[in-house]
Amino acid sequence: MPGYIAARMGSPVYEISKDFVFSAAHQIRFHGGKCERLHGHNWRVRVHARASTLNRIGMVIDFADLQKLVAEVGSRFDHQNVNEVAPFDQENTTAELIARFFYREMSRRLAELEGGRVTVARVDVWENEGSLAIYREE
């Protein structure tokens, strides 16, 4: 039994997440179907932050601090046409590309705030209740 326990023990990973919800319109260029027409969603973005060590008070990062960062990134899209907000004025507005955008922006902001201790594990983006795109880097 001790071998089993030792084999299962790995490096610690702590993960937390925060959601940001926004309403915005978009159109998917070159889609060829109805999604090429301007339409809207109530988008939900979930950012998963991870760390192998906790801060001095036992947290990955304070939920309020993570929420503030997610809201700073996401508020630029709220009640906007996403196709008019950089960088989506130059690239398509698929849920996958929006997830990648949040991942990279949040990664940059967390690195500035936490010095690399906290990273983004993944970002989930829902266009609606049944449609989810996930972006992570491995």
N, C-alpha and C. Protein backbone atom coordinates (compact mmCIF):
# COMPACT_ATOMS: atom_id res chain seq x y z
N MET A 1 0.80 -1.21 0.00
CA MET A 1 0.00 0.00 0.00
C MET A 1 0.85 1.28 0.00
N PRO A 2 1.96 1.34 0.71
CA PRO A 2 2.76 2.57 0.67
C PRO A 2 3.21 2.93 -0.74
N GLY A 3 3.51 1.95 -1.60
CA GLY A 3 3.90 2.24 -2.97
C GLY A 3 2.77 2.90 -3.74
N TYR A 4 1.55 2.48 -3.47
CA TYR A 4 0.39 3.07 -4.13
C TYR A 4 0.25 4.54 -3.74
N ILE A 5 0.40 4.82 -2.48
CA ILE A 5 0.28 6.20 -2.01
C ILE A 5 1.39 7.06 -2.60
N ALA A 6 2.61 6.55 -2.58
CA ALA A 6 3.73 7.32 -3.12
C ALA A 6 3.55 7.57 -4.61
N ALA A 7 3.03 6.60 -5.34
CA ALA A 7 2.84 6.75 -6.78
C ALA A 7 1.78 7.80 -7.09
N ARG A 8 0.82 7.95 -6.21
CA ARG A 8 -0.26 8.90 -6.46
C ARG A 8 0.09 10.32 -6.04
N MET A 9 1.10 10.48 -5.25
CA MET A 9 1.45 11.83 -4.78
C MET A 9 2.21 12.56 -5.87
N GLY A 10 1.77 13.73 -6.18
CA GLY A 10 2.43 14.54 -7.19
C GLY A 10 2.64 15.94 -6.67
N SER A 11 2.96 16.82 -7.56
CA SER A 11 3.14 18.21 -7.18
C SER A 11 1.78 18.84 -6.88
N PRO A 12 1.71 19.67 -5.85
CA PRO A 12 0.43 20.30 -5.53
C PRO A 12 0.04 21.33 -6.58
N VAL A 13 -1.23 21.38 -6.87
CA VAL A 13 -1.78 22.39 -7.77
C VAL A 13 -3.09 22.88 -7.14
N TYR A 14 -3.18 24.17 -6.97
CA TYR A 14 -4.40 24.80 -6.48
C TYR A 14 -5.01 25.57 -7.65
N GLU A 15 -6.33 25.51 -7.74
CA GLU A 15 -6.99 26.21 -8.85
C GLU A 15 -8.27 26.86 -8.35
N ILE A 16 -8.47 28.10 -8.76
CA ILE A 16 -9.73 28.80 -8.47
C ILE A 16 -10.26 29.37 -9.78
N SER A 17 -11.51 29.78 -9.77
CA SER A 17 -12.05 30.39 -10.99
C SER A 17 -13.04 31.49 -10.64
N LYS A 18 -13.18 32.41 -11.57
CA LYS A 18 -14.17 33.48 -11.47
C LYS A 18 -14.84 33.65 -12.82
N ASP A 19 -16.11 34.01 -12.77
CA ASP A 19 -16.90 34.23 -13.97
C ASP A 19 -17.11 35.72 -14.22
N PHE A 20 -17.26 36.04 -15.48
CA PHE A 20 -17.66 37.39 -15.89
C PHE A 20 -18.71 37.21 -16.97
N VAL A 21 -19.83 37.90 -16.83
CA VAL A 21 -20.93 37.80 -17.78
C VAL A 21 -21.11 39.16 -18.45
N PHE A 22 -21.26 39.13 -19.76
CA PHE A 22 -21.50 40.37 -20.49
C PHE A 22 -22.42 40.11 -21.66
N SER A 23 -23.15 41.14 -22.05
CA SER A 23 -24.03 41.08 -23.21
C SER A 23 -23.36 41.83 -24.34
N ALA A 24 -23.29 41.19 -25.50
CA ALA A 24 -22.63 41.83 -26.64
C ALA A 24 -23.11 41.22 -27.94
N ALA A 25 -23.03 42.01 -28.98
CA ALA A 25 -23.35 41.56 -30.33
C ALA A 25 -22.06 41.18 -31.05
N HIS A 26 -22.21 40.35 -32.07
CA HIS A 26 -21.07 40.03 -32.94
C HIS A 26 -21.60 39.38 -34.21
N GLN A 27 -20.74 39.23 -35.15
CA GLN A 27 -21.05 38.47 -36.35
C GLN A 27 -19.77 37.74 -36.74
N ILE A 28 -19.94 36.52 -37.20
CA ILE A 28 -18.78 35.71 -37.58
C ILE A 28 -18.55 35.87 -39.07
N ARG A 29 -17.48 36.56 -39.39
CA ARG A 29 -17.15 36.82 -40.80
C ARG A 29 -16.88 35.51 -41.54
N PHE A 30 -17.32 35.45 -42.77
CA PHE A 30 -17.09 34.32 -43.68
C PHE A 30 -17.77 33.03 -43.23
N HIS A 31 -18.74 33.14 -42.33
CA HIS A 31 -19.43 31.95 -41.82
C HIS A 31 -20.29 31.30 -42.90
N GLY A 32 -20.96 32.12 -43.68
CA GLY A 32 -21.81 31.60 -44.73
C GLY A 32 -23.20 31.21 -44.27
N GLY A 33 -23.47 31.29 -43.00
CA GLY A 33 -24.78 30.96 -42.46
C GLY A 33 -25.33 32.11 -41.64
N LYS A 34 -26.33 31.79 -40.82
CA LYS A 34 -27.00 32.85 -40.06
C LYS A 34 -26.08 33.57 -39.07
N CYS A 35 -25.00 32.92 -38.64
CA CYS A 35 -24.08 33.57 -37.69
C CYS A 35 -23.26 34.68 -38.31
N GLU A 36 -23.34 34.81 -39.64
CA GLU A 36 -22.66 35.92 -40.30
C GLU A 36 -23.44 37.22 -40.14
N ARG A 37 -24.72 37.08 -39.80
CA ARG A 37 -25.53 38.27 -39.53
C ARG A 37 -25.29 38.73 -38.09
N LEU A 38 -25.41 40.02 -37.87
CA LEU A 38 -25.23 40.58 -36.53
C LEU A 38 -26.26 39.97 -35.59
N HIS A 39 -25.81 39.46 -34.47
CA HIS A 39 -26.68 38.87 -33.46
C HIS A 39 -26.00 39.02 -32.10
N GLY A 40 -26.73 38.72 -31.05
CA GLY A 40 -26.17 38.93 -29.72
C GLY A 40 -26.20 37.69 -28.86
N HIS A 41 -25.41 37.75 -27.79
CA HIS A 41 -25.35 36.68 -26.79
C HIS A 41 -25.21 37.31 -25.42
N ASN A 42 -25.59 36.54 -24.43
CA ASN A 42 -25.20 36.82 -23.06
C ASN A 42 -24.02 35.89 -22.78
N TRP A 43 -22.84 36.41 -22.99
CA TRP A 43 -21.61 35.63 -22.89
C TRP A 43 -21.25 35.38 -21.42
N ARG A 44 -20.66 34.23 -21.16
CA ARG A 44 -20.10 33.93 -19.83
C ARG A 44 -18.66 33.51 -20.05
N VAL A 45 -17.75 34.15 -19.34
CA VAL A 45 -16.33 33.81 -19.40
C VAL A 45 -15.91 33.34 -18.01
N ARG A 46 -15.28 32.20 -17.94
CA ARG A 46 -14.74 31.68 -16.68
C ARG A 46 -13.23 31.57 -16.82
N VAL A 47 -12.51 32.25 -15.95
CA VAL A 47 -11.05 32.20 -15.93
C VAL A 47 -10.62 31.34 -14.76
N HIS A 48 -9.83 30.31 -15.06
CA HIS A 48 -9.28 29.41 -14.04
C HIS A 48 -7.84 29.82 -13.77
N ALA A 49 -7.55 30.20 -12.53
CA ALA A 49 -6.19 30.58 -12.13
C ALA A 49 -5.60 29.46 -11.28
N ARG A 50 -4.30 29.21 -11.46
CA ARG A 50 -3.67 28.11 -10.74
C ARG A 50 -2.33 28.53 -10.17
N ALA A 51 -1.94 27.81 -9.12
CA ALA A 51 -0.64 28.05 -8.49
C ALA A 51 -0.20 26.76 -7.79
N SER A 52 1.09 26.56 -7.70
CA SER A 52 1.60 25.40 -6.97
C SER A 52 1.90 25.77 -5.52
N THR A 53 1.93 27.07 -5.23
CA THR A 53 2.10 27.54 -3.85
C THR A 53 1.03 28.59 -3.58
N LEU A 54 0.65 28.68 -2.33
CA LEU A 54 -0.33 29.67 -1.92
C LEU A 54 0.37 30.92 -1.41
N ASN A 55 -0.33 32.03 -1.42
CA ASN A 55 0.26 33.27 -0.90
C ASN A 55 0.36 33.20 0.63
N ARG A 56 0.83 34.25 1.24
CA ARG A 56 1.11 34.23 2.68
C ARG A 56 -0.12 33.99 3.54
N ILE A 57 -1.33 34.22 2.99
CA ILE A 57 -2.54 33.98 3.77
C ILE A 57 -3.30 32.73 3.30
N GLY A 58 -2.66 31.93 2.46
CA GLY A 58 -3.25 30.65 2.07
C GLY A 58 -4.17 30.68 0.87
N MET A 59 -3.96 31.62 -0.05
CA MET A 59 -4.80 31.73 -1.24
C MET A 59 -3.97 31.63 -2.51
N VAL A 60 -4.60 31.14 -3.59
CA VAL A 60 -3.99 31.28 -4.91
C VAL A 60 -3.90 32.78 -5.19
N ILE A 61 -5.03 33.43 -5.15
CA ILE A 61 -5.18 34.88 -5.26
C ILE A 61 -6.55 35.18 -4.67
N ASP A 62 -6.71 36.32 -4.10
CA ASP A 62 -8.01 36.69 -3.54
C ASP A 62 -9.04 36.68 -4.67
N PHE A 63 -10.20 36.06 -4.41
CA PHE A 63 -11.26 36.02 -5.42
C PHE A 63 -11.62 37.42 -5.92
N ALA A 64 -11.63 38.39 -5.01
CA ALA A 64 -11.96 39.76 -5.40
C ALA A 64 -10.93 40.33 -6.37
N ASP A 65 -9.66 40.01 -6.16
CA ASP A 65 -8.62 40.50 -7.07
C ASP A 65 -8.73 39.84 -8.44
N LEU A 66 -9.02 38.53 -8.45
CA LEU A 66 -9.21 37.84 -9.73
C LEU A 66 -10.43 38.40 -10.45
N GLN A 67 -11.51 38.64 -9.71
CA GLN A 67 -12.72 39.20 -10.32
C GLN A 67 -12.44 40.58 -10.91
N LYS A 68 -11.67 41.39 -10.21
CA LYS A 68 -11.34 42.73 -10.71
C LYS A 68 -10.59 42.64 -12.04
N LEU A 69 -9.63 41.73 -12.13
CA LEU A 69 -8.86 41.56 -13.37
C LEU A 69 -9.75 41.08 -14.51
N VAL A 70 -10.59 40.08 -14.22
CA VAL A 70 -11.48 39.54 -15.26
C VAL A 70 -12.45 40.63 -15.73
N ALA A 71 -12.96 41.41 -14.80
CA ALA A 71 -13.90 42.49 -15.16
C ALA A 71 -13.21 43.58 -15.98
N GLU A 72 -11.95 43.88 -15.64
CA GLU A 72 -11.21 44.88 -16.43
C GLU A 72 -11.06 44.43 -17.88
N VAL A 73 -10.75 43.15 -18.07
CA VAL A 73 -10.60 42.63 -19.42
C VAL A 73 -11.95 42.55 -20.12
N GLY A 74 -12.96 42.07 -19.41
CA GLY A 74 -14.26 41.83 -20.02
C GLY A 74 -15.12 43.05 -20.23
N SER A 75 -14.94 44.08 -19.42
CA SER A 75 -15.83 45.24 -19.50
C SER A 75 -15.74 45.96 -20.84
N ARG A 76 -14.64 45.81 -21.53
CA ARG A 76 -14.50 46.46 -22.84
C ARG A 76 -15.48 45.89 -23.87
N PHE A 77 -16.04 44.70 -23.60
CA PHE A 77 -16.97 44.06 -24.53
C PHE A 77 -18.43 44.26 -24.16
N ASP A 78 -18.71 44.63 -22.92
CA ASP A 78 -20.09 44.69 -22.45
C ASP A 78 -20.90 45.73 -23.22
N HIS A 79 -22.03 45.28 -23.77
CA HIS A 79 -22.94 46.12 -24.56
C HIS A 79 -22.24 46.78 -25.75
N GLN A 80 -21.36 46.02 -26.37
CA GLN A 80 -20.64 46.48 -27.55
C GLN A 80 -20.88 45.51 -28.70
N ASN A 81 -20.49 45.93 -29.89
CA ASN A 81 -20.36 45.03 -31.02
C ASN A 81 -18.91 44.54 -30.96
N VAL A 82 -18.72 43.28 -30.63
CA VAL A 82 -17.37 42.75 -30.42
C VAL A 82 -16.50 42.95 -31.67
N ASN A 83 -17.11 42.94 -32.84
CA ASN A 83 -16.36 43.14 -34.09
C ASN A 83 -15.73 44.53 -34.19
N GLU A 84 -16.13 45.43 -33.33
CA GLU A 84 -15.58 46.79 -33.35
C GLU A 84 -14.56 47.03 -32.23
N VAL A 85 -14.29 46.00 -31.43
CA VAL A 85 -13.36 46.13 -30.30
C VAL A 85 -12.07 45.39 -30.65
N ALA A 86 -10.94 46.11 -30.54
CA ALA A 86 -9.64 45.47 -30.83
C ALA A 86 -9.41 44.29 -29.88
N PRO A 87 -8.87 43.20 -30.34
CA PRO A 87 -8.31 42.94 -31.67
C PRO A 87 -9.33 42.37 -32.65
N PHE A 88 -10.60 42.33 -32.23
CA PHE A 88 -11.61 41.66 -33.05
C PHE A 88 -12.11 42.51 -34.20
N ASP A 89 -11.59 43.71 -34.31
CA ASP A 89 -11.83 44.49 -35.52
C ASP A 89 -10.96 43.95 -36.65
N GLN A 90 -9.96 43.12 -36.30
CA GLN A 90 -9.04 42.54 -37.29
C GLN A 90 -9.13 41.01 -37.38
N GLU A 91 -9.78 40.37 -36.42
CA GLU A 91 -9.92 38.90 -36.48
C GLU A 91 -11.34 38.51 -36.12
N ASN A 92 -11.67 37.28 -36.36
CA ASN A 92 -13.03 36.82 -36.18
C ASN A 92 -13.42 36.76 -34.71
N THR A 93 -14.71 36.72 -34.46
CA THR A 93 -15.24 36.79 -33.10
C THR A 93 -15.82 35.46 -32.64
N THR A 94 -15.14 34.38 -32.95
CA THR A 94 -15.61 33.07 -32.49
C THR A 94 -15.37 32.95 -30.99
N ALA A 95 -16.12 32.07 -30.35
CA ALA A 95 -15.93 31.83 -28.92
C ALA A 95 -14.51 31.34 -28.64
N GLU A 96 -13.96 30.56 -29.56
CA GLU A 96 -12.59 30.05 -29.39
C GLU A 96 -11.58 31.19 -29.34
N LEU A 97 -11.72 32.15 -30.26
CA LEU A 97 -10.77 33.27 -30.31
C LEU A 97 -10.98 34.24 -29.15
N ILE A 98 -12.20 34.38 -28.69
CA ILE A 98 -12.46 35.20 -27.51
C ILE A 98 -11.85 34.55 -26.28
N ALA A 99 -11.96 33.23 -26.18
CA ALA A 99 -11.33 32.50 -25.06
C ALA A 99 -9.82 32.69 -25.09
N ARG A 100 -9.22 32.60 -26.27
CA ARG A 100 -7.77 32.80 -26.38
C ARG A 100 -7.38 34.22 -25.96
N PHE A 101 -8.18 35.21 -26.38
CA PHE A 101 -7.91 36.59 -26.00
C PHE A 101 -7.91 36.74 -24.48
N PHE A 102 -8.95 36.24 -23.82
CA PHE A 102 -9.02 36.34 -22.35
C PHE A 102 -7.84 35.61 -21.71
N TYR A 103 -7.49 34.46 -22.22
CA TYR A 103 -6.36 33.70 -21.66
C TYR A 103 -5.08 34.53 -21.70
N ARG A 104 -4.79 35.10 -22.83
CA ARG A 104 -3.53 35.84 -22.99
C ARG A 104 -3.54 37.15 -22.20
N GLU A 105 -4.66 37.85 -22.20
CA GLU A 105 -4.75 39.10 -21.43
C GLU A 105 -4.65 38.82 -19.94
N MET A 106 -5.36 37.81 -19.48
CA MET A 106 -5.32 37.48 -18.05
C MET A 106 -3.95 36.96 -17.66
N SER A 107 -3.30 36.22 -18.53
CA SER A 107 -1.94 35.73 -18.24
C SER A 107 -0.99 36.90 -18.04
N ARG A 108 -1.09 37.89 -18.90
CA ARG A 108 -0.23 39.07 -18.78
C ARG A 108 -0.49 39.82 -17.48
N ARG A 109 -1.76 40.02 -17.16
CA ARG A 109 -2.11 40.78 -15.96
C ARG A 109 -1.73 40.03 -14.69
N LEU A 110 -1.95 38.72 -14.67
CA LEU A 110 -1.56 37.94 -13.49
C LEU A 110 -0.05 37.93 -13.30
N ALA A 111 0.69 37.86 -14.39
CA ALA A 111 2.16 37.89 -14.30
C ALA A 111 2.62 39.21 -13.69
N GLU A 112 1.99 40.30 -14.10
CA GLU A 112 2.35 41.61 -13.54
C GLU A 112 2.01 41.70 -12.06
N LEU A 113 0.87 41.16 -11.68
CA LEU A 113 0.40 41.26 -10.30
C LEU A 113 1.09 40.27 -9.36
N GLU A 114 1.30 39.05 -9.84
CA GLU A 114 1.78 37.98 -8.97
C GLU A 114 3.19 37.50 -9.29
N GLY A 115 3.84 38.10 -10.27
CA GLY A 115 5.23 37.76 -10.56
C GLY A 115 5.46 36.35 -11.07
N GLY A 116 4.44 35.75 -11.66
CA GLY A 116 4.60 34.41 -12.22
C GLY A 116 4.15 33.28 -11.31
N ARG A 117 3.84 33.58 -10.04
CA ARG A 117 3.39 32.53 -9.12
C ARG A 117 2.03 31.98 -9.53
N VAL A 118 1.15 32.85 -10.02
CA VAL A 118 -0.20 32.46 -10.44
C VAL A 118 -0.26 32.53 -11.96
N THR A 119 -0.80 31.48 -12.57
CA THR A 119 -0.96 31.44 -14.02
C THR A 119 -2.41 31.11 -14.37
N VAL A 120 -2.74 31.30 -15.62
CA VAL A 120 -4.07 30.92 -16.10
C VAL A 120 -4.02 29.46 -16.52
N ALA A 121 -4.89 28.65 -15.95
CA ALA A 121 -4.97 27.24 -16.32
C ALA A 121 -5.75 27.07 -17.62
N ARG A 122 -6.88 27.77 -17.71
CA ARG A 122 -7.70 27.72 -18.91
C ARG A 122 -8.76 28.79 -18.83
N VAL A 123 -9.39 29.05 -19.96
CA VAL A 123 -10.52 29.97 -20.03
C VAL A 123 -11.66 29.27 -20.75
N ASP A 124 -12.84 29.34 -20.16
CA ASP A 124 -14.06 28.80 -20.75
C ASP A 124 -14.93 29.97 -21.21
N VAL A 125 -15.50 29.86 -22.40
CA VAL A 125 -16.40 30.90 -22.91
C VAL A 125 -17.68 30.24 -23.41
N TRP A 126 -18.80 30.68 -22.86
CA TRP A 126 -20.11 30.23 -23.32
C TRP A 126 -20.77 31.34 -24.12
N GLU A 127 -21.23 31.02 -25.32
CA GLU A 127 -22.09 31.94 -26.07
C GLU A 127 -23.51 31.87 -25.52
N ASN A 128 -23.88 30.68 -25.10
CA ASN A 128 -25.18 30.43 -24.49
C ASN A 128 -25.04 29.19 -23.62
N GLU A 129 -26.11 28.77 -23.01
CA GLU A 129 -26.06 27.67 -22.04
C GLU A 129 -25.47 26.38 -22.61
N GLY A 130 -25.67 26.11 -23.87
CA GLY A 130 -25.23 24.84 -24.42
C GLY A 130 -23.99 24.87 -25.29
N SER A 131 -23.36 26.03 -25.44
CA SER A 131 -22.22 26.15 -26.36
C SER A 131 -21.00 26.70 -25.63
N LEU A 132 -20.01 25.84 -25.45
CA LEU A 132 -18.82 26.17 -24.67
C LEU A 132 -17.56 25.99 -25.51
N ALA A 133 -16.67 26.99 -25.45
CA ALA A 133 -15.33 26.89 -26.05
C ALA A 133 -14.32 27.00 -24.91
N ILE A 134 -13.27 26.19 -24.98
CA ILE A 134 -12.22 26.18 -23.96
C ILE A 134 -10.89 26.46 -24.62
N TYR A 135 -10.09 27.33 -24.00
CA TYR A 135 -8.74 27.59 -24.48
C TYR A 135 -7.77 27.41 -23.33
N ARG A 136 -6.69 26.67 -23.60
CA ARG A 136 -5.58 26.51 -22.66
C ARG A 136 -4.32 26.32 -23.46
N GLU A 137 -3.19 26.50 -22.84
CA GLU A 137 -1.91 26.26 -23.50
C GLU A 137 -1.18 25.17 -22.73
N GLU A 138 -0.60 24.23 -23.47
CA GLU A 138 0.08 23.10 -22.84
C GLU A 138 1.54 23.09 -23.19
